[in-house]
N, C-alpha and C. Protein backbone atom coordinates (compact mmCIF):
# COMPACT_ATOMS: atom_id res chain seq x y z
N MET A 1 79.44 74.94 121.30
CA MET A 1 79.10 75.96 120.31
C MET A 1 79.42 75.45 118.91
N PRO A 2 78.56 75.72 117.93
CA PRO A 2 78.74 75.13 116.60
C PRO A 2 79.96 75.66 115.86
N ARG A 3 80.57 74.76 115.11
CA ARG A 3 81.70 75.09 114.25
C ARG A 3 81.26 74.90 112.81
N TYR A 4 81.50 75.91 112.00
CA TYR A 4 81.10 75.87 110.59
C TYR A 4 82.33 76.03 109.70
N ARG A 5 82.28 75.36 108.57
CA ARG A 5 83.31 75.55 107.54
C ARG A 5 82.69 76.38 106.42
N ILE A 6 83.22 77.59 106.25
CA ILE A 6 82.76 78.52 105.23
C ILE A 6 83.70 78.42 104.03
N PHE A 7 83.14 78.46 102.84
CA PHE A 7 83.94 78.48 101.61
C PHE A 7 83.70 79.82 100.91
N TYR A 8 84.79 80.54 100.66
CA TYR A 8 84.67 81.87 100.07
C TYR A 8 85.60 82.01 98.87
N GLU A 9 85.34 83.02 98.07
CA GLU A 9 86.23 83.33 96.95
C GLU A 9 86.65 84.78 97.04
N LYS A 10 87.81 85.08 96.46
CA LYS A 10 88.24 86.47 96.34
C LYS A 10 88.84 86.66 94.95
N ARG A 11 88.28 87.61 94.24
CA ARG A 11 88.66 87.88 92.85
C ARG A 11 88.94 89.37 92.68
N GLY A 12 89.53 89.69 91.53
CA GLY A 12 89.77 91.11 91.23
C GLY A 12 90.59 91.78 92.31
N PRO A 13 90.22 93.01 92.69
CA PRO A 13 90.99 93.74 93.71
C PRO A 13 91.06 93.01 95.05
N ALA A 14 90.07 92.15 95.32
CA ALA A 14 90.05 91.44 96.60
C ALA A 14 91.25 90.51 96.77
N CYS A 15 91.85 90.06 95.67
CA CYS A 15 93.00 89.16 95.80
C CYS A 15 94.22 89.88 96.37
N PHE A 16 94.17 91.22 96.44
CA PHE A 16 95.29 91.97 97.02
C PHE A 16 95.07 92.28 98.51
N ILE A 17 93.97 91.78 99.07
CA ILE A 17 93.75 91.91 100.51
C ILE A 17 94.63 90.88 101.21
N PRO A 18 95.52 91.28 102.11
CA PRO A 18 96.44 90.32 102.74
C PRO A 18 95.71 89.38 103.69
N HIS A 19 96.31 88.22 103.89
CA HIS A 19 95.73 87.16 104.71
C HIS A 19 95.40 87.66 106.12
N ILE A 20 96.24 88.49 106.67
CA ILE A 20 96.08 88.93 108.06
C ILE A 20 94.81 89.76 108.26
N VAL A 21 94.28 90.33 107.18
CA VAL A 21 93.10 91.19 107.26
C VAL A 21 91.80 90.40 107.11
N LEU A 22 91.87 89.15 106.67
CA LEU A 22 90.66 88.38 106.37
C LEU A 22 89.72 88.21 107.56
N PRO A 23 90.21 87.98 108.78
CA PRO A 23 89.26 87.89 109.90
C PRO A 23 88.44 89.17 110.07
N THR A 24 89.07 90.32 109.89
CA THR A 24 88.36 91.59 109.99
C THR A 24 87.32 91.72 108.88
N VAL A 25 87.69 91.31 107.66
CA VAL A 25 86.75 91.36 106.52
C VAL A 25 85.51 90.53 106.84
N LEU A 26 85.71 89.32 107.34
CA LEU A 26 84.58 88.43 107.62
C LEU A 26 83.71 88.93 108.77
N THR A 27 84.34 89.38 109.85
CA THR A 27 83.56 89.80 111.01
C THR A 27 82.80 91.10 110.73
N ARG A 28 83.41 92.01 110.01
CA ARG A 28 82.71 93.27 109.70
C ARG A 28 81.53 93.03 108.77
N ALA A 29 81.69 92.12 107.81
CA ALA A 29 80.59 91.79 106.91
C ALA A 29 79.44 91.14 107.69
N ALA A 30 79.79 90.27 108.63
CA ALA A 30 78.76 89.63 109.46
C ALA A 30 78.04 90.67 110.30
N ASN A 31 78.78 91.64 110.80
CA ASN A 31 78.17 92.72 111.60
C ASN A 31 77.25 93.58 110.75
N ARG A 32 77.69 93.89 109.53
CA ARG A 32 76.83 94.67 108.63
C ARG A 32 75.56 93.90 108.30
N ALA A 33 75.69 92.60 108.08
CA ALA A 33 74.52 91.77 107.77
C ALA A 33 73.53 91.80 108.92
N SER A 34 74.04 91.74 110.14
CA SER A 34 73.17 91.75 111.33
C SER A 34 72.42 93.08 111.45
N HIS A 35 73.08 94.19 111.11
CA HIS A 35 72.46 95.49 111.28
C HIS A 35 71.62 95.93 110.08
N SER A 36 71.79 95.24 108.96
CA SER A 36 71.04 95.62 107.76
C SER A 36 69.76 94.81 107.60
N LYS A 37 69.55 93.82 108.47
CA LYS A 37 68.38 92.96 108.36
C LYS A 37 67.11 93.69 108.80
N ASN A 38 66.04 93.36 108.12
CA ASN A 38 64.73 93.84 108.53
C ASN A 38 64.31 93.10 109.79
N GLU A 39 63.87 93.82 110.82
CA GLU A 39 63.52 93.19 112.07
C GLU A 39 62.39 92.18 111.91
N ASP A 40 61.59 92.33 110.86
CA ASP A 40 60.44 91.42 110.68
C ASP A 40 60.80 90.15 109.93
N CYS A 41 62.03 90.04 109.44
CA CYS A 41 62.37 88.88 108.60
C CYS A 41 62.76 87.66 109.43
N GLY A 42 62.99 87.84 110.73
CA GLY A 42 63.25 86.68 111.59
C GLY A 42 64.67 86.20 111.58
N LEU A 43 65.60 86.96 111.01
CA LEU A 43 67.00 86.54 110.99
C LEU A 43 67.69 86.96 112.28
N MET A 44 68.57 86.08 112.76
CA MET A 44 69.29 86.36 114.00
C MET A 44 70.67 86.94 113.67
N PRO A 45 71.24 87.75 114.58
CA PRO A 45 72.60 88.25 114.37
C PRO A 45 73.61 87.10 114.33
N ILE A 46 74.67 87.30 113.57
CA ILE A 46 75.76 86.32 113.51
C ILE A 46 76.77 86.71 114.58
N ILE A 47 76.87 85.89 115.63
CA ILE A 47 77.74 86.22 116.76
C ILE A 47 78.84 85.17 116.87
N PHE A 48 80.08 85.62 116.83
CA PHE A 48 81.23 84.73 116.87
C PHE A 48 81.59 84.36 118.31
N GLN A 49 82.04 83.12 118.49
CA GLN A 49 82.68 82.77 119.75
C GLN A 49 84.03 83.47 119.79
N MET A 50 84.39 84.02 120.95
CA MET A 50 85.63 84.77 121.08
C MET A 50 86.72 83.93 121.73
N THR A 51 87.94 84.21 121.34
CA THR A 51 89.08 83.55 121.97
C THR A 51 89.29 84.13 123.37
N GLU A 52 90.08 83.43 124.16
CA GLU A 52 90.38 83.90 125.50
C GLU A 52 91.73 84.63 125.51
N GLY A 53 92.04 85.28 126.61
CA GLY A 53 93.33 85.96 126.71
C GLY A 53 93.18 87.46 126.78
N PHE A 54 94.31 88.17 126.65
CA PHE A 54 94.33 89.62 126.79
C PHE A 54 93.73 90.35 125.59
N SER A 55 93.74 89.70 124.43
CA SER A 55 93.21 90.34 123.22
C SER A 55 92.23 89.40 122.53
N PRO A 56 91.01 89.29 123.05
CA PRO A 56 90.04 88.37 122.46
C PRO A 56 89.67 88.76 121.04
N HIS A 57 89.49 87.78 120.18
CA HIS A 57 89.05 88.02 118.81
C HIS A 57 88.19 86.85 118.36
N ALA A 58 87.49 87.04 117.25
CA ALA A 58 86.61 85.99 116.74
C ALA A 58 87.41 84.72 116.46
N LYS A 59 86.89 83.59 116.92
CA LYS A 59 87.60 82.33 116.76
C LYS A 59 87.44 81.82 115.33
N MET A 60 88.55 81.75 114.61
CA MET A 60 88.57 81.30 113.21
C MET A 60 89.84 80.50 112.95
N SER A 61 89.78 79.62 111.97
CA SER A 61 90.95 78.86 111.53
C SER A 61 90.96 78.83 110.01
N PHE A 62 92.02 79.38 109.41
CA PHE A 62 92.12 79.47 107.96
C PHE A 62 92.98 78.34 107.39
N ALA A 63 92.80 78.08 106.10
CA ALA A 63 93.66 77.15 105.38
C ALA A 63 95.01 77.82 105.15
N SER A 64 95.90 77.12 104.46
CA SER A 64 97.25 77.64 104.23
C SER A 64 97.19 79.02 103.58
N GLU A 65 98.06 79.89 104.04
CA GLU A 65 98.05 81.29 103.63
C GLU A 65 98.36 81.45 102.15
N LEU A 66 97.64 82.36 101.51
CA LEU A 66 97.88 82.68 100.10
C LEU A 66 98.65 83.98 99.98
N PRO A 67 99.65 84.04 99.10
CA PRO A 67 100.34 85.31 98.85
C PRO A 67 99.39 86.34 98.26
N VAL A 68 99.67 87.60 98.51
CA VAL A 68 98.88 88.70 97.96
C VAL A 68 98.93 88.64 96.43
N GLY A 69 97.78 88.83 95.79
CA GLY A 69 97.71 88.85 94.33
C GLY A 69 97.25 87.56 93.71
N VAL A 70 97.07 86.50 94.51
CA VAL A 70 96.61 85.22 93.99
C VAL A 70 95.09 85.14 94.14
N VAL A 71 94.41 84.89 93.04
CA VAL A 71 92.96 84.73 93.05
C VAL A 71 92.61 83.40 93.71
N ALA A 72 91.51 83.37 94.48
CA ALA A 72 91.07 82.15 95.15
C ALA A 72 89.60 81.91 94.84
N LEU A 73 89.26 80.67 94.49
CA LEU A 73 87.90 80.35 94.09
C LEU A 73 87.09 79.61 95.15
N MET A 74 87.75 78.89 96.05
CA MET A 74 87.02 78.09 97.03
C MET A 74 87.90 77.89 98.27
N GLU A 75 88.06 78.97 99.04
CA GLU A 75 88.91 78.94 100.23
C GLU A 75 88.10 78.56 101.46
N PRO A 76 88.57 77.58 102.24
CA PRO A 76 87.85 77.22 103.46
C PRO A 76 88.35 77.99 104.67
N VAL A 77 87.44 78.28 105.58
CA VAL A 77 87.79 78.84 106.88
C VAL A 77 86.79 78.27 107.90
N ASP A 78 87.30 77.80 109.01
CA ASP A 78 86.43 77.31 110.09
C ASP A 78 86.14 78.46 111.04
N ILE A 79 84.87 78.61 111.39
CA ILE A 79 84.46 79.64 112.34
C ILE A 79 83.64 79.00 113.45
N TRP A 80 83.71 79.59 114.62
CA TRP A 80 82.92 79.11 115.75
C TRP A 80 81.93 80.20 116.13
N LEU A 81 80.64 79.84 116.15
CA LEU A 81 79.58 80.80 116.45
C LEU A 81 78.92 80.44 117.78
N THR A 82 78.17 81.40 118.33
CA THR A 82 77.45 81.14 119.57
C THR A 82 76.09 80.51 119.31
N GLY A 83 75.65 80.53 118.05
CA GLY A 83 74.37 79.93 117.68
C GLY A 83 74.43 79.35 116.29
N ASN A 84 73.34 78.79 115.83
CA ASN A 84 73.29 78.15 114.52
C ASN A 84 73.25 79.19 113.40
N LEU A 85 73.76 78.79 112.24
CA LEU A 85 73.79 79.66 111.06
C LEU A 85 72.79 79.12 110.04
N SER A 86 71.82 79.94 109.67
CA SER A 86 70.81 79.52 108.70
C SER A 86 71.22 79.91 107.28
N ASP A 87 70.54 79.35 106.31
CA ASP A 87 70.80 79.70 104.90
C ASP A 87 70.57 81.18 104.66
N SER A 88 69.51 81.73 105.24
CA SER A 88 69.18 83.15 105.04
C SER A 88 70.24 84.06 105.65
N GLU A 89 70.71 83.69 106.84
CA GLU A 89 71.76 84.48 107.49
C GLU A 89 73.06 84.41 106.70
N PHE A 90 73.36 83.23 106.16
CA PHE A 90 74.56 83.07 105.35
C PHE A 90 74.49 83.94 104.10
N LYS A 91 73.32 83.97 103.46
CA LYS A 91 73.16 84.79 102.25
C LYS A 91 73.32 86.27 102.59
N ALA A 92 72.71 86.70 103.70
CA ALA A 92 72.85 88.11 104.11
C ALA A 92 74.31 88.45 104.38
N TRP A 93 75.03 87.51 104.98
CA TRP A 93 76.46 87.70 105.26
C TRP A 93 77.22 87.87 103.95
N SER A 94 76.97 86.97 102.99
CA SER A 94 77.66 87.04 101.70
C SER A 94 77.35 88.34 100.97
N ASP A 95 76.09 88.77 101.05
CA ASP A 95 75.66 90.00 100.36
C ASP A 95 76.36 91.24 100.91
N ASN A 96 76.88 91.15 102.14
CA ASN A 96 77.55 92.29 102.77
C ASN A 96 79.07 92.22 102.72
N MET A 97 79.60 91.22 102.01
CA MET A 97 81.04 91.13 101.84
C MET A 97 81.52 92.22 100.88
N PRO A 98 82.76 92.69 101.02
CA PRO A 98 83.28 93.72 100.11
C PRO A 98 83.35 93.23 98.66
N THR A 99 83.49 94.17 97.75
CA THR A 99 83.59 93.85 96.33
C THR A 99 84.74 92.87 96.08
N GLY A 100 84.46 91.83 95.31
CA GLY A 100 85.46 90.82 94.99
C GLY A 100 85.39 89.60 95.87
N PHE A 101 84.72 89.73 97.02
CA PHE A 101 84.53 88.60 97.93
C PHE A 101 83.12 88.02 97.76
N LYS A 102 83.02 86.72 97.93
CA LYS A 102 81.72 86.05 97.91
C LYS A 102 81.80 84.81 98.78
N LEU A 103 80.79 84.60 99.62
CA LEU A 103 80.69 83.36 100.38
C LEU A 103 79.91 82.36 99.54
N ASN A 104 80.54 81.22 99.24
CA ASN A 104 79.94 80.26 98.31
C ASN A 104 79.10 79.18 98.98
N ASP A 105 79.55 78.71 100.14
CA ASP A 105 78.86 77.58 100.76
C ASP A 105 79.30 77.47 102.22
N PHE A 106 78.55 76.69 103.00
CA PHE A 106 78.95 76.43 104.38
C PHE A 106 78.40 75.08 104.82
N THR A 107 79.06 74.49 105.79
CA THR A 107 78.61 73.23 106.36
C THR A 107 78.99 73.19 107.82
N GLU A 108 78.17 72.57 108.64
CA GLU A 108 78.50 72.44 110.05
C GLU A 108 79.45 71.27 110.24
N ILE A 109 80.47 71.46 111.06
CA ILE A 109 81.49 70.45 111.31
C ILE A 109 81.19 69.76 112.65
N PRO A 110 81.04 68.44 112.64
CA PRO A 110 80.71 67.73 113.90
C PRO A 110 81.81 67.87 114.94
N ASP A 111 81.43 67.82 116.20
CA ASP A 111 82.39 67.84 117.30
C ASP A 111 83.40 66.70 117.15
N GLY A 112 84.64 66.97 117.47
CA GLY A 112 85.67 65.94 117.40
C GLY A 112 86.27 65.74 116.02
N SER A 113 85.81 66.50 115.03
CA SER A 113 86.36 66.36 113.67
C SER A 113 87.79 66.91 113.62
N PRO A 114 88.60 66.42 112.68
CA PRO A 114 89.98 66.92 112.55
C PRO A 114 90.00 68.42 112.26
N SER A 115 91.13 69.03 112.53
CA SER A 115 91.31 70.45 112.24
C SER A 115 91.21 70.72 110.75
N LEU A 116 91.06 71.98 110.40
CA LEU A 116 90.95 72.37 109.00
C LEU A 116 92.18 71.93 108.21
N ASN A 117 93.37 72.18 108.73
CA ASN A 117 94.59 71.84 107.99
C ASN A 117 94.74 70.33 107.80
N LYS A 118 94.28 69.54 108.76
CA LYS A 118 94.34 68.08 108.60
C LYS A 118 93.29 67.59 107.60
N SER A 119 92.16 68.28 107.55
CA SER A 119 91.09 67.90 106.62
C SER A 119 91.36 68.38 105.20
N CYS A 120 92.16 69.44 105.07
CA CYS A 120 92.40 70.06 103.77
C CYS A 120 93.90 70.21 103.52
N PRO A 121 94.61 69.10 103.31
CA PRO A 121 96.07 69.18 103.20
C PRO A 121 96.58 69.55 101.81
N VAL A 122 95.69 69.61 100.82
CA VAL A 122 96.12 69.73 99.42
C VAL A 122 95.56 71.01 98.81
N SER A 123 96.37 71.66 97.98
CA SER A 123 95.93 72.83 97.21
C SER A 123 96.09 72.57 95.72
N GLU A 124 95.12 73.04 94.96
CA GLU A 124 95.15 72.90 93.49
C GLU A 124 95.18 74.29 92.86
N TYR A 125 96.09 74.48 91.91
CA TYR A 125 96.30 75.80 91.30
C TYR A 125 96.19 75.75 89.79
N LEU A 126 95.89 76.90 89.22
CA LEU A 126 96.07 77.16 87.80
C LEU A 126 97.13 78.25 87.67
N LEU A 127 98.07 78.06 86.75
CA LEU A 127 99.15 79.04 86.59
C LEU A 127 99.43 79.25 85.12
N LYS A 128 99.68 80.51 84.75
CA LYS A 128 100.12 80.83 83.39
C LYS A 128 101.00 82.06 83.44
N SER A 129 101.73 82.26 82.36
CA SER A 129 102.54 83.46 82.23
C SER A 129 101.65 84.62 81.81
N SER A 130 101.99 85.81 82.27
CA SER A 130 101.21 86.99 81.88
C SER A 130 101.48 87.40 80.44
N THR A 131 102.56 86.86 79.86
CA THR A 131 102.88 87.13 78.45
C THR A 131 103.05 85.80 77.72
N ALA A 132 102.48 85.70 76.54
CA ALA A 132 102.48 84.44 75.80
C ALA A 132 103.89 83.95 75.47
N ASP A 133 104.84 84.86 75.25
CA ASP A 133 106.18 84.45 74.85
C ASP A 133 106.96 83.77 75.98
N ARG A 134 106.48 83.92 77.22
CA ARG A 134 107.15 83.30 78.35
C ARG A 134 106.55 81.94 78.72
N MET A 135 105.41 81.60 78.13
CA MET A 135 104.66 80.44 78.59
C MET A 135 105.42 79.13 78.38
N ASP A 136 106.14 79.00 77.29
CA ASP A 136 106.90 77.76 77.05
C ASP A 136 107.97 77.57 78.12
N SER A 137 108.65 78.64 78.50
CA SER A 137 109.68 78.55 79.55
C SER A 137 109.06 78.21 80.89
N VAL A 138 107.91 78.82 81.19
CA VAL A 138 107.21 78.54 82.45
C VAL A 138 106.77 77.08 82.49
N ARG A 139 106.22 76.62 81.39
CA ARG A 139 105.75 75.23 81.30
C ARG A 139 106.90 74.25 81.54
N GLU A 140 107.99 74.46 80.86
CA GLU A 140 109.15 73.57 80.99
C GLU A 140 109.69 73.56 82.42
N ALA A 141 109.83 74.74 83.01
CA ALA A 141 110.36 74.84 84.38
C ALA A 141 109.41 74.23 85.40
N LEU A 142 108.11 74.46 85.22
CA LEU A 142 107.13 73.96 86.18
C LEU A 142 107.08 72.43 86.17
N PHE A 143 107.15 71.84 85.00
CA PHE A 143 107.15 70.37 84.92
C PHE A 143 108.45 69.79 85.50
N LYS A 144 109.52 70.53 85.39
CA LYS A 144 110.78 70.08 86.00
C LYS A 144 110.66 70.08 87.53
N ILE A 145 110.05 71.13 88.07
CA ILE A 145 109.82 71.22 89.51
C ILE A 145 108.86 70.12 89.96
N ALA A 146 107.86 69.84 89.13
CA ALA A 146 106.80 68.90 89.49
C ALA A 146 107.31 67.48 89.70
N GLU A 147 108.43 67.13 89.06
CA GLU A 147 108.93 65.76 89.14
C GLU A 147 109.16 65.31 90.58
N ASN A 148 109.58 66.22 91.44
CA ASN A 148 109.91 65.85 92.81
C ASN A 148 108.94 66.38 93.87
N LYS A 149 108.16 67.39 93.52
CA LYS A 149 107.43 68.10 94.57
C LYS A 149 105.91 68.11 94.43
N PHE A 150 105.38 67.82 93.25
CA PHE A 150 103.95 67.95 93.03
C PHE A 150 103.25 66.60 93.12
N ILE A 151 101.99 66.65 93.53
CA ILE A 151 101.15 65.46 93.50
C ILE A 151 100.72 65.19 92.06
N ASP A 152 100.43 66.26 91.34
CA ASP A 152 99.94 66.13 89.96
C ASP A 152 100.26 67.42 89.21
N CYS A 153 100.48 67.31 87.91
CA CYS A 153 100.75 68.48 87.07
C CYS A 153 100.28 68.17 85.66
N ARG A 154 99.40 69.04 85.11
CA ARG A 154 98.83 68.79 83.78
C ARG A 154 98.83 70.06 82.96
N ASP A 155 99.13 69.91 81.69
CA ASP A 155 99.08 71.03 80.76
C ASP A 155 97.67 71.15 80.21
N GLU A 156 97.02 72.30 80.43
CA GLU A 156 95.67 72.51 79.93
C GLU A 156 95.62 73.63 78.91
N GLY A 157 96.72 73.80 78.19
CA GLY A 157 96.76 74.79 77.13
C GLY A 157 97.10 76.17 77.67
N GLU A 158 96.07 76.97 77.93
CA GLU A 158 96.29 78.33 78.43
C GLU A 158 96.91 78.31 79.83
N PHE A 159 96.48 77.36 80.65
CA PHE A 159 96.97 77.23 82.01
C PHE A 159 97.66 75.89 82.23
N ILE A 160 98.47 75.84 83.28
CA ILE A 160 98.97 74.57 83.80
C ILE A 160 98.29 74.35 85.14
N ARG A 161 97.68 73.20 85.30
CA ARG A 161 97.00 72.86 86.55
C ARG A 161 97.91 71.93 87.36
N PHE A 162 98.15 72.28 88.62
CA PHE A 162 98.99 71.42 89.46
C PHE A 162 98.45 71.36 90.88
N THR A 163 98.78 70.27 91.56
CA THR A 163 98.31 70.01 92.92
C THR A 163 99.51 69.74 93.81
N VAL A 164 99.50 70.34 95.00
CA VAL A 164 100.61 70.18 95.93
C VAL A 164 100.09 69.86 97.33
N ASN A 165 100.96 69.22 98.11
CA ASN A 165 100.70 69.03 99.53
C ASN A 165 101.16 70.29 100.26
N ASN A 166 100.25 70.92 100.99
CA ASN A 166 100.56 72.21 101.62
C ASN A 166 101.71 72.13 102.62
N SER A 167 101.89 70.96 103.23
CA SER A 167 102.95 70.83 104.23
C SER A 167 104.31 70.54 103.60
N VAL A 168 104.32 70.26 102.31
CA VAL A 168 105.56 69.90 101.61
C VAL A 168 106.12 71.06 100.82
N VAL A 169 105.27 71.78 100.12
CA VAL A 169 105.75 72.86 99.26
C VAL A 169 104.76 74.02 99.29
N ALA A 170 105.28 75.24 99.40
CA ALA A 170 104.46 76.45 99.40
C ALA A 170 104.52 77.11 98.03
N LEU A 171 103.49 77.88 97.72
CA LEU A 171 103.43 78.55 96.43
C LEU A 171 104.62 79.49 96.24
N GLY A 172 105.02 80.19 97.29
CA GLY A 172 106.16 81.09 97.18
C GLY A 172 107.43 80.38 96.78
N ALA A 173 107.63 79.16 97.29
CA ALA A 173 108.82 78.38 96.93
C ALA A 173 108.79 77.98 95.47
N ILE A 174 107.60 77.69 94.94
CA ILE A 174 107.47 77.34 93.52
C ILE A 174 107.85 78.53 92.65
N VAL A 175 107.36 79.71 93.01
CA VAL A 175 107.68 80.91 92.22
C VAL A 175 109.18 81.20 92.28
N ARG A 176 109.78 81.02 93.45
CA ARG A 176 111.23 81.25 93.56
C ARG A 176 112.00 80.29 92.65
N GLU A 177 111.55 79.06 92.55
CA GLU A 177 112.23 78.12 91.65
C GLU A 177 112.04 78.50 90.20
N LEU A 178 110.86 79.02 89.85
CA LEU A 178 110.65 79.50 88.48
C LEU A 178 111.60 80.65 88.16
N ILE A 179 111.85 81.50 89.14
CA ILE A 179 112.80 82.60 88.96
C ILE A 179 114.21 82.05 88.81
N THR A 180 114.58 81.07 89.65
CA THR A 180 115.91 80.45 89.57
C THR A 180 116.14 79.80 88.21
N GLU A 181 115.06 79.21 87.65
CA GLU A 181 115.15 78.56 86.34
C GLU A 181 115.08 79.57 85.18
N ASN A 182 115.01 80.87 85.52
CA ASN A 182 114.93 81.94 84.52
C ASN A 182 113.69 81.86 83.64
N ALA A 183 112.64 81.23 84.18
CA ALA A 183 111.38 81.16 83.45
C ALA A 183 110.63 82.48 83.55
N VAL A 184 110.76 83.15 84.72
CA VAL A 184 110.16 84.46 84.94
C VAL A 184 111.12 85.29 85.77
N GLN A 185 110.85 86.58 85.84
CA GLN A 185 111.68 87.46 86.67
C GLN A 185 111.05 87.73 88.03
N GLY A 186 109.74 87.46 88.16
CA GLY A 186 109.07 87.70 89.43
C GLY A 186 107.59 87.38 89.37
N TRP A 187 106.91 87.62 90.49
CA TRP A 187 105.48 87.34 90.60
C TRP A 187 104.67 88.09 89.54
N HIS A 188 105.13 89.29 89.18
CA HIS A 188 104.37 90.14 88.26
C HIS A 188 104.22 89.51 86.87
N GLU A 189 105.02 88.50 86.56
CA GLU A 189 104.93 87.85 85.25
C GLU A 189 104.06 86.60 85.28
N LEU A 190 103.38 86.36 86.39
CA LEU A 190 102.55 85.17 86.53
C LEU A 190 101.11 85.54 86.85
N ARG A 191 100.19 84.70 86.41
CA ARG A 191 98.78 84.78 86.80
C ARG A 191 98.45 83.45 87.47
N ILE A 192 98.06 83.51 88.74
CA ILE A 192 97.87 82.29 89.52
C ILE A 192 96.48 82.31 90.17
N VAL A 193 95.81 81.19 90.10
CA VAL A 193 94.50 81.01 90.74
C VAL A 193 94.58 79.76 91.62
N ARG A 194 94.17 79.89 92.89
CA ARG A 194 94.00 78.67 93.69
C ARG A 194 92.56 78.21 93.51
N VAL A 195 92.43 77.05 92.90
CA VAL A 195 91.10 76.52 92.56
C VAL A 195 90.39 75.98 93.79
N ARG A 196 91.14 75.27 94.63
CA ARG A 196 90.50 74.66 95.81
C ARG A 196 91.57 74.31 96.83
N VAL A 197 91.12 74.14 98.06
CA VAL A 197 91.93 73.58 99.14
C VAL A 197 91.10 72.46 99.74
N GLY A 198 91.67 71.26 99.81
CA GLY A 198 90.88 70.14 100.32
C GLY A 198 91.69 68.87 100.41
N ALA A 199 90.98 67.76 100.28
CA ALA A 199 91.63 66.44 100.31
C ALA A 199 92.14 66.09 98.93
N GLN A 200 93.06 65.15 98.87
CA GLN A 200 93.57 64.71 97.58
C GLN A 200 92.49 63.94 96.84
N GLN A 201 92.30 64.26 95.57
CA GLN A 201 91.25 63.60 94.79
C GLN A 201 91.81 62.38 94.05
């Protein structure tokens, strides 16, 4: 059965949808797309391969979990379907996603390919303070953290762009260190966007 890698974004209110709910968001949108299609258009229903066991569910594999409130621009998820996914079916699926979600692209993954986490070990972020007067402290603390833990860290003026290995450091740990360094008091003082999850560039 074919395995596809879907790339999606979540912005605005959608960034507050917790990770655990994402499979439901995707499957319900696919179901709506299947039922909203015109029978004459030739589109097939999107049917997921199901897991085995006492509580079967759609077979999916997500990239490293994002904390609630972080905007994501290009998140990968591997899905297993019972049939092929066409461009038209993918568009109908995206059109039925909730507000703030959008499916950007998809590709079929050949049999025997590495898992999603092995293929996408790196995350790239943009981070800034929610208030301008805190940005200098955030910048100084983030570059201090970057010396030992980041693959790359660059000042881009309004934002700081940094790249991390997902298996080495999590976003939550970075925010906790910013709090320890007295750069911020909590998540509410930060604006964070995950730009991509993938291989190291």
